[in-house]
N, C-alpha and C. Protein backbone atom coordinates (compact mmCIF):
# COMPACT_ATOMS: atom_id res chain seq x y z
N PRO A 1 21.20 23.23 -14.30
CA PRO A 1 20.31 22.98 -14.97
C PRO A 1 20.47 23.47 -16.52
N SER A 2 19.59 23.28 -17.40
CA SER A 2 19.80 23.59 -18.94
C SER A 2 18.13 23.82 -19.20
N ALA A 3 18.27 24.60 -20.37
CA ALA A 3 17.00 24.54 -21.05
C ALA A 3 16.04 23.07 -21.31
N ASP A 4 17.12 22.19 -21.56
CA ASP A 4 16.45 21.07 -21.65
C ASP A 4 16.76 19.67 -20.60
N GLY A 5 17.42 20.04 -19.48
CA GLY A 5 17.57 19.05 -18.96
C GLY A 5 18.30 19.62 -17.55
N PHE A 6 18.68 18.56 -16.76
CA PHE A 6 19.22 18.67 -15.50
C PHE A 6 19.64 17.50 -14.69
N VAL A 7 20.42 17.76 -13.75
CA VAL A 7 20.94 16.48 -13.31
C VAL A 7 20.32 16.52 -11.78
N LEU A 8 19.92 15.00 -11.51
CA LEU A 8 19.62 14.54 -10.45
C LEU A 8 20.46 13.88 -9.69
N TRP A 9 20.52 14.08 -8.58
CA TRP A 9 21.63 13.67 -7.42
C TRP A 9 21.04 13.48 -6.04
N THR A 10 21.63 12.34 -5.54
CA THR A 10 21.15 11.96 -4.28
C THR A 10 22.26 11.04 -3.47
N ARG A 11 22.40 10.61 -2.45
CA ARG A 11 23.45 9.77 -1.99
C ARG A 11 22.74 9.17 -0.84
N LEU A 12 22.99 7.67 -0.84
CA LEU A 12 22.06 6.90 -0.29
C LEU A 12 23.15 7.01 1.35
N ALA A 13 22.49 7.37 2.58
CA ALA A 13 23.29 7.64 3.65
C ALA A 13 22.49 7.97 4.79
N PRO A 14 22.31 6.88 5.47
CA PRO A 14 21.02 6.84 6.57
C PRO A 14 21.92 7.37 8.00
N GLN A 15 23.08 7.58 7.82
CA GLN A 15 24.12 8.42 8.86
C GLN A 15 25.08 8.98 7.98
N PRO A 16 24.44 10.34 7.62
CA PRO A 16 25.50 11.13 6.66
C PRO A 16 26.87 11.91 7.24
N VAL A 17 26.63 12.00 8.81
CA VAL A 17 27.72 12.50 9.24
C VAL A 17 28.54 11.47 9.94
N THR A 18 28.75 10.28 10.01
CA THR A 18 29.36 9.40 10.54
C THR A 18 29.79 8.49 9.45
N GLY A 19 29.78 8.81 8.30
CA GLY A 19 30.38 7.99 7.15
C GLY A 19 29.36 7.27 6.20
N GLY A 20 28.20 7.50 6.51
CA GLY A 20 26.91 7.06 5.51
C GLY A 20 26.13 6.35 5.97
N GLY A 21 26.78 5.22 6.84
CA GLY A 21 26.09 3.85 7.55
C GLY A 21 25.69 2.91 6.34
N MET A 22 25.91 2.75 5.08
CA MET A 22 25.73 2.04 4.07
C MET A 22 26.74 0.76 4.31
N PRO A 23 26.26 -0.60 3.64
CA PRO A 23 27.14 -1.86 3.98
C PRO A 23 28.23 -1.36 2.77
N GLN A 24 29.24 -2.12 2.66
CA GLN A 24 30.29 -2.06 1.49
C GLN A 24 30.03 -3.02 0.21
N GLU A 25 28.66 -2.85 -0.21
CA GLU A 25 27.98 -3.30 -1.52
C GLU A 25 27.36 -2.60 -2.16
N ASN A 26 27.18 -2.90 -3.43
CA ASN A 26 26.51 -2.30 -4.63
C ASN A 26 24.86 -1.91 -4.23
N VAL A 27 24.26 -0.97 -4.55
CA VAL A 27 22.86 -0.96 -3.88
C VAL A 27 22.24 -0.35 -5.15
N GLU A 28 21.20 -1.17 -5.73
CA GLU A 28 20.35 -0.69 -7.06
C GLU A 28 19.41 0.33 -6.55
N VAL A 29 19.53 1.58 -7.51
CA VAL A 29 18.42 2.41 -7.02
C VAL A 29 17.56 2.83 -8.23
N THR A 30 16.41 3.05 -8.03
CA THR A 30 15.10 3.38 -9.19
C THR A 30 15.21 4.77 -9.19
N TRP A 31 15.05 5.42 -10.28
CA TRP A 31 14.97 6.90 -9.89
C TRP A 31 13.56 7.17 -11.24
N GLU A 32 12.92 8.25 -10.76
CA GLU A 32 11.60 8.44 -11.43
C GLU A 32 11.44 9.84 -11.46
N LEU A 33 10.90 10.28 -13.10
CA LEU A 33 10.96 11.94 -13.32
C LEU A 33 9.64 11.68 -13.52
N LEU A 34 8.74 12.85 -12.63
CA LEU A 34 7.44 12.81 -12.51
C LEU A 34 6.93 14.18 -13.01
N SER A 35 5.78 14.36 -13.56
CA SER A 35 4.84 15.20 -13.98
C SER A 35 4.63 16.25 -12.61
N ASP A 36 4.64 17.53 -12.77
CA ASP A 36 4.37 18.27 -11.62
C ASP A 36 3.04 18.74 -11.45
N ASP A 37 2.01 17.69 -11.17
CA ASP A 37 0.90 17.91 -10.80
C ASP A 37 0.06 17.11 -9.81
N ASP A 38 -1.09 17.18 -9.56
CA ASP A 38 -1.60 16.23 -8.37
C ASP A 38 -1.38 14.85 -8.63
N LYS A 39 -1.45 14.53 -9.83
CA LYS A 39 -1.38 12.95 -9.84
C LYS A 39 0.18 12.45 -10.43
N ILE A 40 0.29 11.01 -9.58
CA ILE A 40 1.59 10.77 -9.94
C ILE A 40 1.91 10.14 -11.31
N ASN A 41 2.50 10.82 -12.08
CA ASN A 41 2.40 10.54 -13.78
C ASN A 41 4.22 10.48 -13.90
N VAL A 42 4.52 9.01 -13.90
CA VAL A 42 5.69 8.88 -14.07
C VAL A 42 6.22 9.29 -16.05
N LEU A 43 7.05 9.93 -16.13
CA LEU A 43 7.31 10.67 -17.44
C LEU A 43 8.78 9.64 -17.73
N GLN A 44 9.67 9.39 -16.92
CA GLN A 44 10.67 8.69 -17.52
C GLN A 44 11.04 8.01 -16.09
N SER A 45 12.00 6.97 -16.27
CA SER A 45 12.47 6.32 -15.06
C SER A 45 13.72 5.45 -15.36
N GLY A 46 14.56 4.93 -14.59
CA GLY A 46 15.48 4.28 -14.68
C GLY A 46 16.28 3.65 -13.59
N LYS A 47 17.40 2.83 -13.88
CA LYS A 47 17.88 2.22 -12.65
C LYS A 47 19.59 2.39 -12.75
N PHE A 48 20.21 2.62 -11.45
CA PHE A 48 21.43 3.16 -11.65
C PHE A 48 21.90 2.33 -10.09
N VAL A 49 23.36 2.11 -10.15
CA VAL A 49 23.62 0.97 -9.39
C VAL A 49 24.78 2.02 -8.53
N ALA A 50 24.56 2.33 -7.16
CA ALA A 50 25.19 3.09 -6.24
C ALA A 50 26.32 2.39 -5.68
N THR A 51 27.66 2.54 -5.47
CA THR A 51 28.66 2.02 -5.37
C THR A 51 29.29 2.27 -4.22
N PRO A 52 29.93 1.70 -3.28
CA PRO A 52 30.78 2.21 -2.31
C PRO A 52 31.96 2.83 -2.20
N GLU A 53 32.57 2.92 -3.53
CA GLU A 53 33.75 3.71 -4.21
C GLU A 53 33.18 5.13 -4.40
N MET A 54 31.91 5.39 -4.78
CA MET A 54 31.43 6.82 -5.13
C MET A 54 30.55 6.99 -3.62
N ALA A 55 30.43 6.55 -2.71
CA ALA A 55 29.79 6.91 -1.53
C ALA A 55 28.25 6.65 -1.67
N HIS A 56 27.93 5.41 -2.28
CA HIS A 56 26.71 5.43 -2.86
C HIS A 56 26.11 6.60 -3.26
N SER A 57 26.20 7.53 -3.98
CA SER A 57 25.90 8.57 -4.75
C SER A 57 25.30 8.27 -6.24
N VAL A 58 24.40 8.86 -6.48
CA VAL A 58 23.52 8.77 -7.63
C VAL A 58 23.40 9.94 -8.18
N HIS A 59 24.00 10.00 -9.53
CA HIS A 59 23.92 11.13 -10.56
C HIS A 59 23.52 10.58 -11.91
N ILE A 60 22.44 11.33 -12.12
CA ILE A 60 21.45 10.96 -13.27
C ILE A 60 21.47 12.15 -14.48
N GLU A 61 21.87 12.21 -15.37
CA GLU A 61 21.70 13.56 -16.26
C GLU A 61 20.68 13.51 -17.36
N LEU A 62 19.72 14.10 -16.99
CA LEU A 62 18.37 13.97 -17.93
C LEU A 62 18.55 15.21 -19.17
N ASN A 63 18.08 14.89 -20.38
CA ASN A 63 18.16 15.58 -21.51
C ASN A 63 17.01 15.53 -22.24
N GLY A 64 16.48 16.53 -22.94
CA GLY A 64 15.45 16.10 -24.01
C GLY A 64 14.05 16.53 -23.19
N LEU A 65 14.14 17.31 -22.38
CA LEU A 65 12.78 17.74 -21.59
C LEU A 65 12.55 18.96 -22.24
N ASP A 66 11.32 19.49 -21.79
CA ASP A 66 10.36 21.01 -22.17
C ASP A 66 11.62 21.82 -21.33
N SER A 67 11.54 22.91 -22.05
CA SER A 67 12.47 24.08 -21.53
C SER A 67 11.15 24.95 -20.49
N ASN A 68 11.63 25.50 -19.28
CA ASN A 68 11.09 26.61 -18.55
C ASN A 68 9.62 25.58 -17.85
N ARG A 69 9.74 24.45 -17.44
CA ARG A 69 8.79 23.51 -17.26
C ARG A 69 9.40 23.20 -15.61
N TRP A 70 8.37 23.06 -14.54
CA TRP A 70 8.50 22.24 -13.33
C TRP A 70 8.44 20.81 -13.54
N TYR A 71 9.30 20.04 -12.66
CA TYR A 71 9.41 18.77 -12.74
C TYR A 71 9.38 18.19 -11.54
N ARG A 72 9.02 16.69 -11.02
CA ARG A 72 9.20 16.34 -9.57
C ARG A 72 10.07 15.06 -9.80
N TYR A 73 10.64 14.74 -8.97
CA TYR A 73 11.37 13.46 -8.98
C TYR A 73 11.50 12.58 -7.55
N ARG A 74 11.68 11.30 -7.52
CA ARG A 74 11.68 10.49 -6.63
C ARG A 74 13.00 9.32 -6.71
N PHE A 75 13.32 8.64 -5.44
CA PHE A 75 14.29 7.59 -5.71
C PHE A 75 13.95 6.43 -5.15
N HIS A 76 14.00 5.08 -5.22
CA HIS A 76 13.68 4.06 -4.61
C HIS A 76 14.90 3.25 -4.52
N ALA A 77 15.16 2.61 -3.41
CA ALA A 77 16.46 1.89 -2.96
C ALA A 77 16.13 1.06 -1.62
N ALA A 78 16.54 -0.27 -1.74
CA ALA A 78 16.75 -1.22 -0.43
C ALA A 78 15.27 -0.60 0.20
N GLY A 79 13.97 -0.99 -0.13
CA GLY A 79 12.59 -0.94 0.50
C GLY A 79 12.28 0.50 0.96
N TYR A 80 13.02 1.53 0.43
CA TYR A 80 12.79 3.15 0.83
C TYR A 80 12.37 3.76 -0.25
N THR A 81 11.77 4.87 -0.12
CA THR A 81 11.40 5.67 -1.16
C THR A 81 11.54 7.28 -0.78
N SER A 82 12.41 8.23 -1.72
CA SER A 82 12.50 9.34 -0.92
C SER A 82 11.36 10.13 -1.09
N PRO A 83 11.34 11.16 -0.16
CA PRO A 83 10.41 12.41 -0.46
C PRO A 83 10.57 12.80 -1.76
N VAL A 84 9.52 13.41 -2.42
CA VAL A 84 9.44 13.67 -3.98
C VAL A 84 10.11 15.35 -4.03
N GLY A 85 11.01 14.97 -4.83
CA GLY A 85 11.75 16.64 -5.02
C GLY A 85 10.88 17.35 -6.29
N ARG A 86 11.38 18.82 -6.09
CA ARG A 86 10.70 19.28 -7.45
C ARG A 86 11.94 20.31 -8.08
N THR A 87 12.32 20.24 -9.17
CA THR A 87 13.17 21.10 -10.22
C THR A 87 12.48 21.72 -11.16
N ARG A 88 13.53 22.52 -11.94
CA ARG A 88 12.92 23.14 -13.42
C ARG A 88 13.99 23.19 -14.19
N THR A 89 13.42 23.06 -15.55
CA THR A 89 14.53 23.43 -16.39
C THR A 89 14.48 25.03 -17.00
N PHE A 90 15.49 25.54 -17.30
CA PHE A 90 15.89 26.79 -17.54
C PHE A 90 14.76 26.94 -18.69
N PRO A 91 14.51 28.33 -18.97
CA PRO A 91 13.82 28.92 -20.14
C PRO A 91 14.74 28.75 -21.64
N ALA A 92 14.34 28.56 -22.63
CA ALA A 92 14.84 28.59 -23.73
C ALA A 92 15.94 29.63 -23.92
N ALA A 93 16.95 29.46 -24.63
CA ALA A 93 18.04 30.24 -24.92
C ALA A 93 17.56 31.58 -25.46
N ASP A 94 16.39 31.56 -26.17
CA ASP A 94 16.04 33.08 -26.75
C ASP A 94 14.86 33.34 -26.24
N VAL A 95 14.80 33.18 -24.79
CA VAL A 95 13.72 33.67 -24.21
C VAL A 95 14.25 34.27 -22.77
N MET A 96 13.71 35.75 -22.72
CA MET A 96 14.24 36.58 -21.43
C MET A 96 13.29 36.50 -20.18
N PRO A 97 13.51 35.61 -19.33
CA PRO A 97 12.42 35.95 -18.27
C PRO A 97 12.28 37.08 -17.40
N GLU A 98 11.34 37.19 -17.07
CA GLU A 98 11.08 38.62 -15.98
C GLU A 98 11.81 38.52 -15.02
N LYS A 99 11.88 37.26 -13.93
CA LYS A 99 13.15 37.00 -12.92
C LYS A 99 13.59 35.80 -12.98
N MET A 100 14.67 35.67 -12.05
CA MET A 100 14.98 34.37 -12.13
C MET A 100 15.51 34.46 -10.48
N ARG A 101 15.35 33.02 -10.02
CA ARG A 101 15.70 32.85 -8.75
C ARG A 101 16.58 31.31 -8.73
N MET A 102 17.57 31.49 -8.07
CA MET A 102 18.45 29.98 -8.12
C MET A 102 18.88 29.93 -6.59
N ALA A 103 19.12 28.52 -6.47
CA ALA A 103 19.75 28.32 -5.26
C ALA A 103 20.58 27.55 -5.54
N PHE A 104 21.93 27.25 -4.65
CA PHE A 104 22.79 26.16 -4.89
C PHE A 104 23.45 25.99 -3.50
N ALA A 105 23.47 24.36 -3.38
CA ALA A 105 23.61 23.87 -2.17
C ALA A 105 24.94 22.84 -2.47
N SER A 106 25.96 22.67 -1.33
CA SER A 106 26.96 21.75 -1.84
C SER A 106 26.88 20.91 -0.69
N CYS A 107 27.19 19.78 -0.88
CA CYS A 107 27.21 18.43 -0.01
C CYS A 107 29.09 18.40 0.69
N GLN A 108 29.93 19.44 0.28
CA GLN A 108 30.91 19.38 0.85
C GLN A 108 31.01 19.18 2.41
N HIS A 109 31.79 18.48 3.28
CA HIS A 109 31.85 18.44 4.67
C HIS A 109 33.41 18.77 4.82
């Protein structure tokens, strides 16, 4: 993440441990950036083509967002909708937060 953006990343893989389970064809994925409140307010959206060559992974780099703000996101592909995820931008470079928690996850197998 940065003060004005972050990366949304997912992989289409109904069988993630046994090769992914996706057909050897391109799949169109719609992504949505949502406000972090009770209403579903789409702030940005777009389309991405997930390809077999990239293991049907999706990598969207977003910038120009407000600093130190929570956002929600989701993906739509092949008639399915992902659960809603949540992420946050960093504080502005000249702001010292009281505390910071960060998690790191890796998809390496």
